[in-house]
Amino acid sequence: MDKMKKISVKNKFEIGADKRFTLIAGPCAIENEEMSLDVAEKIKDICEKLEINYIFKSSFDKANRSSIHSNRGVGMEEGLRILKKVKDTYNIPVLTDVHEPWQCEKVAEVVDVLQIPAFLCRQTDLLVAAAKTGLPVNIKKGQFLAPWDMKNIVTKFEEVGNTNVLLCERGTTFGYNNFVVDMRSFLEMKKFGYPVVFDATHSVQIPGGLGTSTDGNREYVYPLMRAALAVGVDAIFAEVHPDPDNAPCDGPNMLRLDELENILKTAVEIDKIVKGQ
């Protein structure tokens, strides 16, 4: 394995190479400007107190929904406006996902990190378009892939000339309506030389578990996060909401904002031990 790469985010900080884990967090979907600003401010304050580098995450479009009637979000134009407001107001990097190749260039004008959804991680045109922006890209490992299968995805980026890659574990399909997180996945993906991320909240989803929407087990987020940090991940991805039970999407697996600080305090202590800080 080559020396582990460090990924620079907006020239503010680096992810990887045994640095303290970065937190990628925010509401699943952008609901409105006020809520986005409020959540970003509160998480930023917590992260500054705990000396954690922070990237705000929220989606302008939730294209992968269980039902055609599910809430999709505010759309790209309004979503990018709100993400820019968050970015400019609090001077923090922002991340959002893209679903189609044509979106990449436009979204890259605002965000600092792009994200490829797990179901789309093999879509070559989307990967190439994202890579061509030159931005760091968080690529979620498909629920249907083995960790070593991500090598082909990494190669697509390298062939385009973008080595600003983050590899994200979000659980693997285990029978019907269930995911399992194989902690060996992080070690396997690290062999490619890029930082690894643990998506702690999507990993506890129960797809289609509520019939026309996804269910989840929020109680497992914290234990799995601790385990991933003990393995040595470089970043934690977690969707966080002030009132998850009334959120328009992913409520059952999102963390409560008022519980985040205590969760992160323990996370930092685990990270310190593992990385010898």
C-alpha atoms as a PDB file:
ATOM      1  CA  MET A   1       0.000   0.000   0.000  1.00  0.00           C
ATOM      2  CA  ASP A   2       1.224   3.491  -0.837  1.00  0.00           C
ATOM      3  CA  LYS A   3       1.504   6.073   1.913  1.00  0.00           C
ATOM      4  CA  MET A   4      -1.962   7.115   3.045  1.00  0.00           C
ATOM      5  CA  LYS A   5      -3.106  10.222   1.206  1.00  0.00           C
ATOM      6  CA  LYS A   6      -4.328  13.312   3.020  1.00  0.00           C
ATOM      7  CA  ILE A   7      -7.310  15.050   1.468  1.00  0.00           C
ATOM      8  CA  SER A   8      -7.378  18.841   1.750  1.00  0.00           C
ATOM      9  CA  VAL A   9     -10.790  20.429   2.301  1.00  0.00           C
ATOM     10  CA  LYS A  10     -10.972  24.030   1.105  1.00  0.00           C
ATOM     11  CA  ASN A  11      -7.347  24.470   2.275  1.00  0.00           C
ATOM     12  CA  LYS A  12      -8.750  24.653   5.801  1.00  0.00           C
ATOM     13  CA  PHE A  13      -7.823  21.208   7.078  1.00  0.00           C
ATOM     14  CA  GLU A  14      -6.858  17.720   5.951  1.00  0.00           C
ATOM     15  CA  ILE A  15      -8.591  14.363   6.324  1.00  0.00           C
ATOM     16  CA  GLY A  16      -6.470  11.239   6.805  1.00  0.00           C
ATOM     17  CA  ALA A  17      -2.977  10.231   7.921  1.00  0.00           C
ATOM     18  CA  ASP A  18      -3.955   9.657  11.558  1.00  0.00           C
ATOM     19  CA  LYS A  19      -5.350  13.136  12.081  1.00  0.00           C
ATOM     20  CA  ARG A  20      -8.356  13.472  14.392  1.00  0.00           C
ATOM     21  CA  PHE A  21     -11.525  12.315  12.643  1.00  0.00           C
ATOM     22  CA  THR A  22     -13.498  14.890  10.679  1.00  0.00           C
ATOM     23  CA  LEU A  23     -17.251  15.145  11.257  1.00  0.00           C
ATOM     24  CA  ILE A  24     -19.563  15.347   8.236  1.00  0.00           C
ATOM     25  CA  ALA A  25     -23.004  16.122   9.644  1.00  0.00           C
ATOM     26  CA  GLY A  26     -26.302  17.884   9.171  1.00  0.00           C
ATOM     27  CA  PRO A  27     -29.952  17.176   8.400  1.00  0.00           C
ATOM     28  CA  CYS A  28     -30.719  14.481   5.827  1.00  0.00           C
ATOM     29  CA  ALA A  29     -32.500  16.966   3.581  1.00  0.00           C
ATOM     30  CA  ILE A  30     -32.448  20.744   3.365  1.00  0.00           C
ATOM     31  CA  GLU A  31     -35.817  21.785   4.764  1.00  0.00           C
ATOM     32  CA  ASN A  32     -35.420  25.547   4.913  1.00  0.00           C
ATOM     33  CA  GLU A  33     -32.783  28.232   5.455  1.00  0.00           C
ATOM     34  CA  GLU A  34     -33.528  28.883   9.130  1.00  0.00           C
ATOM     35  CA  MET A  35     -33.229  25.262  10.221  1.00  0.00           C
ATOM     36  CA  SER A  36     -30.083  24.690   8.158  1.00  0.00           C
ATOM     37  CA  LEU A  37     -28.366  27.717   9.676  1.00  0.00           C
ATOM     38  CA  ASP A  38     -29.425  26.752  13.188  1.00  0.00           C
ATOM     39  CA  VAL A  39     -28.140  23.178  12.924  1.00  0.00           C
ATOM     40  CA  ALA A  40     -24.897  24.272  11.263  1.00  0.00           C
ATOM     41  CA  GLU A  41     -24.219  26.838  13.984  1.00  0.00           C
ATOM     42  CA  LYS A  42     -24.876  24.418  16.839  1.00  0.00           C
ATOM     43  CA  ILE A  43     -22.748  21.611  15.359  1.00  0.00           C
ATOM     44  CA  LYS A  44     -19.948  24.057  14.531  1.00  0.00           C
ATOM     45  CA  ASP A  45     -19.916  25.279  18.143  1.00  0.00           C
ATOM     46  CA  ILE A  46     -19.728  21.705  19.455  1.00  0.00           C
ATOM     47  CA  CYS A  47     -16.935  20.788  17.051  1.00  0.00           C
ATOM     48  CA  GLU A  48     -14.911  23.879  17.882  1.00  0.00           C
ATOM     49  CA  LYS A  49     -15.198  23.058  21.589  1.00  0.00           C
ATOM     50  CA  LEU A  50     -14.000  19.496  20.964  1.00  0.00           C
ATOM     51  CA  GLU A  51     -11.407  20.461  18.315  1.00  0.00           C
ATOM     52  CA  ILE A  52     -13.073  18.436  15.551  1.00  0.00           C
ATOM     53  CA  ASN A  53     -12.922  19.601  11.927  1.00  0.00           C
ATOM     54  CA  TYR A  54     -16.455  19.958  10.605  1.00  0.00           C
ATOM     55  CA  ILE A  55     -18.182  19.760   7.200  1.00  0.00           C
ATOM     56  CA  PHE A  56     -21.888  20.650   6.997  1.00  0.00           C
ATOM     57  CA  LYS A  57     -23.942  18.116   5.033  1.00  0.00           C
ATOM     58  CA  SER A  58     -27.472  18.312   3.700  1.00  0.00           C
ATOM     59  CA  SER A  59     -29.183  17.234   0.466  1.00  0.00           C
ATOM     60  CA  PHE A  60     -31.115  19.434  -1.955  1.00  0.00           C
ATOM     61  CA  ASP A  61     -32.730  16.374  -3.555  1.00  0.00           C
ATOM     62  CA  LYS A  62     -33.415  12.930  -2.132  1.00  0.00           C
ATOM     63  CA  ALA A  63     -33.664  11.081  -5.429  1.00  0.00           C
ATOM     64  CA  ASN A  64     -33.589   7.594  -3.889  1.00  0.00           C
ATOM     65  CA  ARG A  65     -36.916   7.394  -2.057  1.00  0.00           C
ATOM     66  CA  SER A  66     -39.048   4.386  -1.209  1.00  0.00           C
ATOM     67  CA  SER A  67     -42.218   5.934  -2.621  1.00  0.00           C
ATOM     68  CA  ILE A  68     -42.973   8.270  -5.516  1.00  0.00           C
ATOM     69  CA  HIS A  69     -44.905  10.342  -2.956  1.00  0.00           C
ATOM     70  CA  SER A  70     -41.925  10.747  -0.600  1.00  0.00           C
ATOM     71  CA  ASN A  71     -40.526  14.211   0.079  1.00  0.00           C
ATOM     72  CA  ARG A  72     -37.695  14.983  -2.376  1.00  0.00           C
ATOM     73  CA  GLY A  73     -36.365  18.222  -0.882  1.00  0.00           C
ATOM     74  CA  VAL A  74     -36.147  21.874  -1.928  1.00  0.00           C
ATOM     75  CA  GLY A  75     -34.487  21.345  -5.313  1.00  0.00           C
ATOM     76  CA  MET A  76     -31.058  22.266  -6.619  1.00  0.00           C
ATOM     77  CA  GLU A  77     -31.397  26.032  -7.074  1.00  0.00           C
ATOM     78  CA  GLU A  78     -32.851  26.718  -3.619  1.00  0.00           C
ATOM     79  CA  GLY A  79     -30.665  24.061  -2.021  1.00  0.00           C
ATOM     80  CA  LEU A  80     -27.450  25.579  -3.377  1.00  0.00           C
ATOM     81  CA  ARG A  81     -28.558  29.034  -2.252  1.00  0.00           C
ATOM     82  CA  ILE A  82     -29.038  27.743   1.315  1.00  0.00           C
ATOM     83  CA  LEU A  83     -25.778  25.789   1.297  1.00  0.00           C
ATOM     84  CA  LYS A  84     -23.928  28.921   0.188  1.00  0.00           C
ATOM     85  CA  LYS A  85     -25.598  30.894   2.976  1.00  0.00           C
ATOM     86  CA  VAL A  86     -24.466  28.288   5.532  1.00  0.00           C
ATOM     87  CA  LYS A  87     -20.954  28.292   4.091  1.00  0.00           C
ATOM     88  CA  ASP A  88     -20.619  32.090   4.030  1.00  0.00           C
ATOM     89  CA  THR A  89     -22.302  32.705   7.390  1.00  0.00           C
ATOM     90  CA  TYR A  90     -20.216  30.268   9.427  1.00  0.00           C
ATOM     91  CA  ASN A  91     -17.106  29.925   7.234  1.00  0.00           C
ATOM     92  CA  ILE A  92     -17.403  26.129   7.151  1.00  0.00           C
ATOM     93  CA  PRO A  93     -17.074  23.696   4.221  1.00  0.00           C
ATOM     94  CA  VAL A  94     -20.301  22.210   2.875  1.00  0.00           C
ATOM     95  CA  LEU A  95     -21.095  18.873   1.215  1.00  0.00           C
ATOM     96  CA  THR A  96     -24.049  17.624  -0.768  1.00  0.00           C
ATOM     97  CA  ASP A  97     -24.817  14.701  -3.042  1.00  0.00           C
ATOM     98  CA  VAL A  98     -25.208  14.655  -6.806  1.00  0.00           C
ATOM     99  CA  HIS A  99     -27.310  12.176  -8.756  1.00  0.00           C
ATOM    100  CA  GLU A 100     -26.740  13.061 -12.400  1.00  0.00           C
ATOM    101  CA  PRO A 101     -23.605  14.047 -14.356  1.00  0.00           C
ATOM    102  CA  TRP A 102     -24.960  17.446 -15.415  1.00  0.00           C
ATOM    103  CA  GLN A 103     -25.357  18.498 -11.776  1.00  0.00           C
ATOM    104  CA  CYS A 104     -21.678  18.160 -10.862  1.00  0.00           C
ATOM    105  CA  GLU A 105     -20.252  21.308 -12.451  1.00  0.00           C
ATOM    106  CA  LYS A 106     -23.079  23.504 -11.162  1.00  0.00           C
ATOM    107  CA  VAL A 107     -22.983  22.087  -7.626  1.00  0.00           C
ATOM    108  CA  ALA A 108     -19.177  22.374  -7.518  1.00  0.00           C
ATOM    109  CA  GLU A 109     -19.528  26.149  -7.876  1.00  0.00           C
ATOM    110  CA  VAL A 110     -20.922  26.231  -4.316  1.00  0.00           C
ATOM    111  CA  VAL A 111     -19.895  23.172  -2.330  1.00  0.00           C
ATOM    112  CA  ASP A 112     -16.467  22.099  -1.124  1.00  0.00           C
ATOM    113  CA  VAL A 113     -17.024  18.329  -1.210  1.00  0.00           C
ATOM    114  CA  LEU A 114     -19.252  16.316  -3.545  1.00  0.00           C
ATOM    115  CA  GLN A 115     -20.866  13.042  -2.548  1.00  0.00           C
ATOM    116  CA  ILE A 116     -21.796  10.032  -4.669  1.00  0.00           C
ATOM    117  CA  PRO A 117     -24.798   8.109  -3.287  1.00  0.00           C
ATOM    118  CA  ALA A 118     -24.237   4.403  -2.671  1.00  0.00           C
ATOM    119  CA  PHE A 119     -26.722   3.200  -5.283  1.00  0.00           C
ATOM    120  CA  LEU A 120     -24.895   5.271  -7.928  1.00  0.00           C
ATOM    121  CA  CYS A 121     -21.292   4.421  -7.085  1.00  0.00           C
ATOM    122  CA  ARG A 122     -20.779   2.360 -10.272  1.00  0.00           C
ATOM    123  CA  GLN A 123     -22.277   4.954 -12.637  1.00  0.00           C
ATOM    124  CA  THR A 124     -19.216   5.824 -14.713  1.00  0.00           C
ATOM    125  CA  ASP A 125     -20.578   9.025 -16.275  1.00  0.00           C
ATOM    126  CA  LEU A 126     -21.498  10.402 -12.851  1.00  0.00           C
ATOM    127  CA  LEU A 127     -18.122   9.453 -11.356  1.00  0.00           C
ATOM    128  CA  VAL A 128     -16.189  11.017 -14.236  1.00  0.00           C
ATOM    129  CA  ALA A 129     -18.217  14.236 -14.059  1.00  0.00           C
ATOM    130  CA  ALA A 130     -17.645  14.474 -10.309  1.00  0.00           C
ATOM    131  CA  ALA A 131     -13.936  13.732 -10.680  1.00  0.00           C
ATOM    132  CA  LYS A 132     -13.527  16.411 -13.356  1.00  0.00           C
ATOM    133  CA  THR A 133     -14.578  19.123 -10.876  1.00  0.00           C
ATOM    134  CA  GLY A 134     -11.311  18.496  -9.007  1.00  0.00           C
ATOM    135  CA  LEU A 135     -13.118  18.688  -5.670  1.00  0.00           C
ATOM    136  CA  PRO A 136     -12.812  16.058  -2.945  1.00  0.00           C
ATOM    137  CA  VAL A 137     -15.523  13.442  -3.467  1.00  0.00           C
ATOM    138  CA  ASN A 138     -17.011  11.212  -0.776  1.00  0.00           C
ATOM    139  CA  ILE A 139     -17.923   7.978  -2.571  1.00  0.00           C
ATOM    140  CA  LYS A 140     -20.337   5.765  -0.686  1.00  0.00           C
ATOM    141  CA  LYS A 141     -19.725   2.051  -1.140  1.00  0.00           C
ATOM    142  CA  GLY A 142     -22.772   0.423  -2.685  1.00  0.00           C
ATOM    143  CA  GLN A 143     -24.834  -1.744  -0.361  1.00  0.00           C
ATOM    144  CA  PHE A 144     -24.297  -4.490  -2.941  1.00  0.00           C
ATOM    145  CA  LEU A 145     -20.491  -4.265  -3.158  1.00  0.00           C
ATOM    146  CA  ALA A 146     -17.626  -5.939  -1.342  1.00  0.00           C
ATOM    147  CA  PRO A 147     -15.058  -3.427  -0.050  1.00  0.00           C
ATOM    148  CA  TRP A 148     -12.388  -4.627  -2.507  1.00  0.00           C
ATOM    149  CA  ASP A 149     -14.778  -3.866  -5.370  1.00  0.00           C
ATOM    150  CA  MET A 150     -14.206  -0.169  -4.633  1.00  0.00           C
ATOM    151  CA  LYS A 151     -10.804  -0.460  -6.317  1.00  0.00           C
ATOM    152  CA  ASN A 152     -12.420  -0.139  -9.746  1.00  0.00           C
ATOM    153  CA  ILE A 153     -14.221   3.001  -8.601  1.00  0.00           C
ATOM    154  CA  VAL A 154     -10.996   4.500  -7.278  1.00  0.00           C
ATOM    155  CA  THR A 155      -9.332   3.718 -10.623  1.00  0.00           C
ATOM    156  CA  LYS A 156     -12.022   5.681 -12.481  1.00  0.00           C
ATOM    157  CA  PHE A 157     -11.129   8.752 -10.446  1.00  0.00           C
ATOM    158  CA  GLU A 158      -7.400   8.245 -10.840  1.00  0.00           C
ATOM    159  CA  GLU A 159      -7.760   7.878 -14.605  1.00  0.00           C
ATOM    160  CA  VAL A 160      -9.466  11.285 -14.715  1.00  0.00           C
ATOM    161  CA  GLY A 161      -6.691  12.739 -12.558  1.00  0.00           C
ATOM    162  CA  ASN A 162      -8.613  13.357  -9.341  1.00  0.00           C
ATOM    163  CA  THR A 163      -7.060  11.707  -6.279  1.00  0.00           C
ATOM    164  CA  ASN A 164      -9.163  13.674  -3.769  1.00  0.00           C
ATOM    165  CA  VAL A 165     -11.121  10.577  -2.840  1.00  0.00           C
ATOM    166  CA  LEU A 166     -12.903   9.569   0.367  1.00  0.00           C
ATOM    167  CA  LEU A 167     -14.274   6.014   0.590  1.00  0.00           C
ATOM    168  CA  CYS A 168     -17.398   5.666   2.690  1.00  0.00           C
ATOM    169  CA  GLU A 169     -18.869   2.539   4.299  1.00  0.00           C
ATOM    170  CA  ARG A 170     -22.642   2.677   4.786  1.00  0.00           C
ATOM    171  CA  GLY A 171     -23.523  -0.960   5.468  1.00  0.00           C
ATOM    172  CA  THR A 172     -24.005  -3.981   3.247  1.00  0.00           C
ATOM    173  CA  THR A 173     -27.313  -5.594   2.294  1.00  0.00           C
ATOM    174  CA  PHE A 174     -27.955  -8.539   4.603  1.00  0.00           C
ATOM    175  CA  GLY A 175     -31.015 -10.481   3.571  1.00  0.00           C
ATOM    176  CA  TYR A 176     -34.195  -8.469   3.197  1.00  0.00           C
ATOM    177  CA  ASN A 177     -34.656  -4.947   4.654  1.00  0.00           C
ATOM    178  CA  ASN A 178     -31.448  -5.026   6.654  1.00  0.00           C
ATOM    179  CA  PHE A 179     -27.827  -3.902   6.625  1.00  0.00           C
ATOM    180  CA  VAL A 180     -24.757  -5.181   8.414  1.00  0.00           C
ATOM    181  CA  VAL A 181     -21.516  -3.264   8.964  1.00  0.00           C
ATOM    182  CA  ASP A 182     -18.403  -5.378   8.469  1.00  0.00           C
ATOM    183  CA  MET A 183     -15.585  -3.623  10.315  1.00  0.00           C
ATOM    184  CA  ARG A 184     -13.082  -5.349   8.029  1.00  0.00           C
ATOM    185  CA  SER A 185     -14.404  -3.125   5.255  1.00  0.00           C
ATOM    186  CA  PHE A 186     -12.498  -0.104   6.565  1.00  0.00           C
ATOM    187  CA  LEU A 187      -9.226  -2.025   6.636  1.00  0.00           C
ATOM    188  CA  GLU A 188      -9.795  -3.377   3.129  1.00  0.00           C
ATOM    189  CA  MET A 189     -10.594   0.038   1.666  1.00  0.00           C
ATOM    190  CA  LYS A 190      -7.606   1.630   3.416  1.00  0.00           C
ATOM    191  CA  LYS A 191      -5.409  -0.640   1.307  1.00  0.00           C
ATOM    192  CA  PHE A 192      -6.149   1.667  -1.639  1.00  0.00           C
ATOM    193  CA  GLY A 193      -4.345   4.505   0.156  1.00  0.00           C
ATOM    194  CA  TYR A 194      -7.310   6.844   0.648  1.00  0.00           C
ATOM    195  CA  PRO A 195      -9.073   8.048   3.820  1.00  0.00           C
ATOM    196  CA  VAL A 196     -12.130   6.065   4.901  1.00  0.00           C
ATOM    197  CA  VAL A 197     -15.402   7.401   6.235  1.00  0.00           C
ATOM    198  CA  PHE A 198     -18.101   5.692   8.289  1.00  0.00           C
ATOM    199  CA  ASP A 199     -21.699   6.657   7.534  1.00  0.00           C
ATOM    200  CA  ALA A 200     -23.034   5.858  10.981  1.00  0.00           C
ATOM    201  CA  THR A 201     -26.676   6.755  10.399  1.00  0.00           C
ATOM    202  CA  HIS A 202     -27.461   5.224   6.991  1.00  0.00           C
ATOM    203  CA  SER A 203     -25.814   2.005   8.169  1.00  0.00           C
ATOM    204  CA  VAL A 204     -28.690   1.406  10.587  1.00  0.00           C
ATOM    205  CA  GLN A 205     -31.463   1.916   8.049  1.00  0.00           C
ATOM    206  CA  ILE A 206     -34.141  -0.696   7.400  1.00  0.00           C
ATOM    207  CA  PRO A 207     -34.911   0.015   3.722  1.00  0.00           C
ATOM    208  CA  GLY A 208     -38.630  -0.001   3.024  1.00  0.00           C
ATOM    209  CA  GLY A 209     -39.206  -1.039   6.631  1.00  0.00           C
ATOM    210  CA  LEU A 210     -42.220   1.249   6.990  1.00  0.00           C
ATOM    211  CA  GLY A 211     -43.804   0.135   3.716  1.00  0.00           C
ATOM    212  CA  THR A 212     -43.598   3.407   1.796  1.00  0.00           C
ATOM    213  CA  SER A 213     -40.582   4.767   3.684  1.00  0.00           C
ATOM    214  CA  THR A 214     -37.371   3.622   5.327  1.00  0.00           C
ATOM    215  CA  ASP A 215     -37.237   2.593   8.960  1.00  0.00           C
ATOM    216  CA  GLY A 216     -34.126   2.518  11.114  1.00  0.00           C
ATOM    217  CA  ASN A 217     -32.533   1.696  14.459  1.00  0.00           C
ATOM    218  CA  ARG A 218     -31.122   4.906  15.936  1.00  0.00           C
ATOM    219  CA  GLU A 219     -30.014   3.003  19.056  1.00  0.00           C
ATOM    220  CA  TYR A 220     -27.274   1.261  17.053  1.00  0.00           C
ATOM    221  CA  VAL A 221     -25.684   4.436  15.618  1.00  0.00           C
ATOM    222  CA  TYR A 222     -23.585   5.263  18.656  1.00  0.00           C
ATOM    223  CA  PRO A 223     -22.207   1.727  19.283  1.00  0.00           C
ATOM    224  CA  LEU A 224     -21.303   1.267  15.612  1.00  0.00           C
ATOM    225  CA  MET A 225     -19.655   4.697  15.535  1.00  0.00           C
ATOM    226  CA  ARG A 226     -17.494   3.747  18.518  1.00  0.00           C
ATOM    227  CA  ALA A 227     -16.499   0.497  16.818  1.00  0.00           C
ATOM    228  CA  ALA A 228     -15.565   2.261  13.567  1.00  0.00           C
ATOM    229  CA  LEU A 229     -13.443   4.795  15.447  1.00  0.00           C
ATOM    230  CA  ALA A 230     -11.710   1.919  17.221  1.00  0.00           C
ATOM    231  CA  VAL A 231     -10.795   0.507  13.802  1.00  0.00           C
ATOM    232  CA  GLY A 232      -9.304   3.894  12.882  1.00  0.00           C
ATOM    233  CA  VAL A 233     -11.620   5.664  10.438  1.00  0.00           C
ATOM    234  CA  ASP A 234     -10.697   9.126   9.190  1.00  0.00           C
ATOM    235  CA  ALA A 235     -14.158  10.709   9.216  1.00  0.00           C
ATOM    236  CA  ILE A 236     -17.611  10.139  10.647  1.00  0.00           C
ATOM    237  CA  PHE A 237     -20.702  10.891   8.574  1.00  0.00           C
ATOM    238  CA  ALA A 238     -23.866  11.339  10.640  1.00  0.00           C
ATOM    239  CA  GLU A 239     -27.199  12.877   9.831  1.00  0.00           C
ATOM    240  CA  VAL A 240     -28.339  15.071  12.710  1.00  0.00           C
ATOM    241  CA  HIS A 241     -31.678  16.771  13.266  1.00  0.00           C
ATOM    242  CA  PRO A 242     -33.323  18.843  16.037  1.00  0.00           C
ATOM    243  CA  ASP A 243     -36.451  16.662  15.892  1.00  0.00           C
ATOM    244  CA  PRO A 244     -35.728  13.435  13.967  1.00  0.00           C
ATOM    245  CA  ASP A 245     -39.107  11.857  14.665  1.00  0.00           C
ATOM    246  CA  ASN A 246     -40.784  14.614  12.653  1.00  0.00           C
ATOM    247  CA  ALA A 247     -38.161  14.947   9.915  1.00  0.00           C
ATOM    248  CA  PRO A 248     -39.314  14.550   6.289  1.00  0.00           C
ATOM    249  CA  CYS A 249     -36.790  11.755   5.615  1.00  0.00           C
ATOM    250  CA  ASP A 250     -34.511   9.320   7.480  1.00  0.00           C
ATOM    251  CA  GLY A 251     -35.944  10.293  10.859  1.00  0.00           C
ATOM    252  CA  PRO A 252     -35.665   6.827  12.469  1.00  0.00           C
ATOM    253  CA  ASN A 253     -31.901   6.689  11.989  1.00  0.00           C
ATOM    254  CA  MET A 254     -30.858  10.342  12.449  1.00  0.00           C
ATOM    255  CA  LEU A 255     -29.143  11.476  15.654  1.00  0.00           C
ATOM    256  CA  ARG A 256     -30.794  14.031  17.907  1.00  0.00           C
ATOM    257  CA  LEU A 257     -28.972  17.347  17.851  1.00  0.00           C
ATOM    258  CA  ASP A 258     -29.198  17.768  21.628  1.00  0.00           C
ATOM    259  CA  GLU A 259     -27.404  14.431  22.166  1.00  0.00           C
ATOM    260  CA  LEU A 260     -24.562  15.056  19.725  1.00  0.00           C
ATOM    261  CA  GLU A 261     -22.066  16.722  22.068  1.00  0.00           C
ATOM    262  CA  ASN A 262     -21.987  13.840  24.552  1.00  0.00           C
ATOM    263  CA  ILE A 263     -21.640  11.327  21.728  1.00  0.00           C
ATOM    264  CA  LEU A 264     -18.716  13.243  20.238  1.00  0.00           C
ATOM    265  CA  LYS A 265     -16.934  13.589  23.581  1.00  0.00           C
ATOM    266  CA  THR A 266     -16.580   9.816  23.777  1.00  0.00           C
ATOM    267  CA  ALA A 267     -15.747   9.625  20.079  1.00  0.00           C
ATOM    268  CA  VAL A 268     -12.789  11.972  20.576  1.00  0.00           C
ATOM    269  CA  GLU A 269     -11.420   9.882  23.449  1.00  0.00           C
ATOM    270  CA  ILE A 270     -11.572   6.691  21.363  1.00  0.00           C
ATOM    271  CA  ASP A 271      -9.934   8.454  18.427  1.00  0.00           C
ATOM    272  CA  LYS A 272      -7.113   9.739  20.653  1.00  0.00           C
ATOM    273  CA  ILE A 273      -6.320   6.252  21.926  1.00  0.00           C
ATOM    274  CA  VAL A 274      -6.356   4.604  18.498  1.00  0.00           C
ATOM    275  CA  LYS A 275      -4.281   7.282  16.766  1.00  0.00           C
ATOM    276  CA  GLY A 276      -1.895   7.856  19.660  1.00  0.00           C
ATOM    277  CA  GLN A 277      -2.770  11.518  20.000  1.00  0.00           C
END
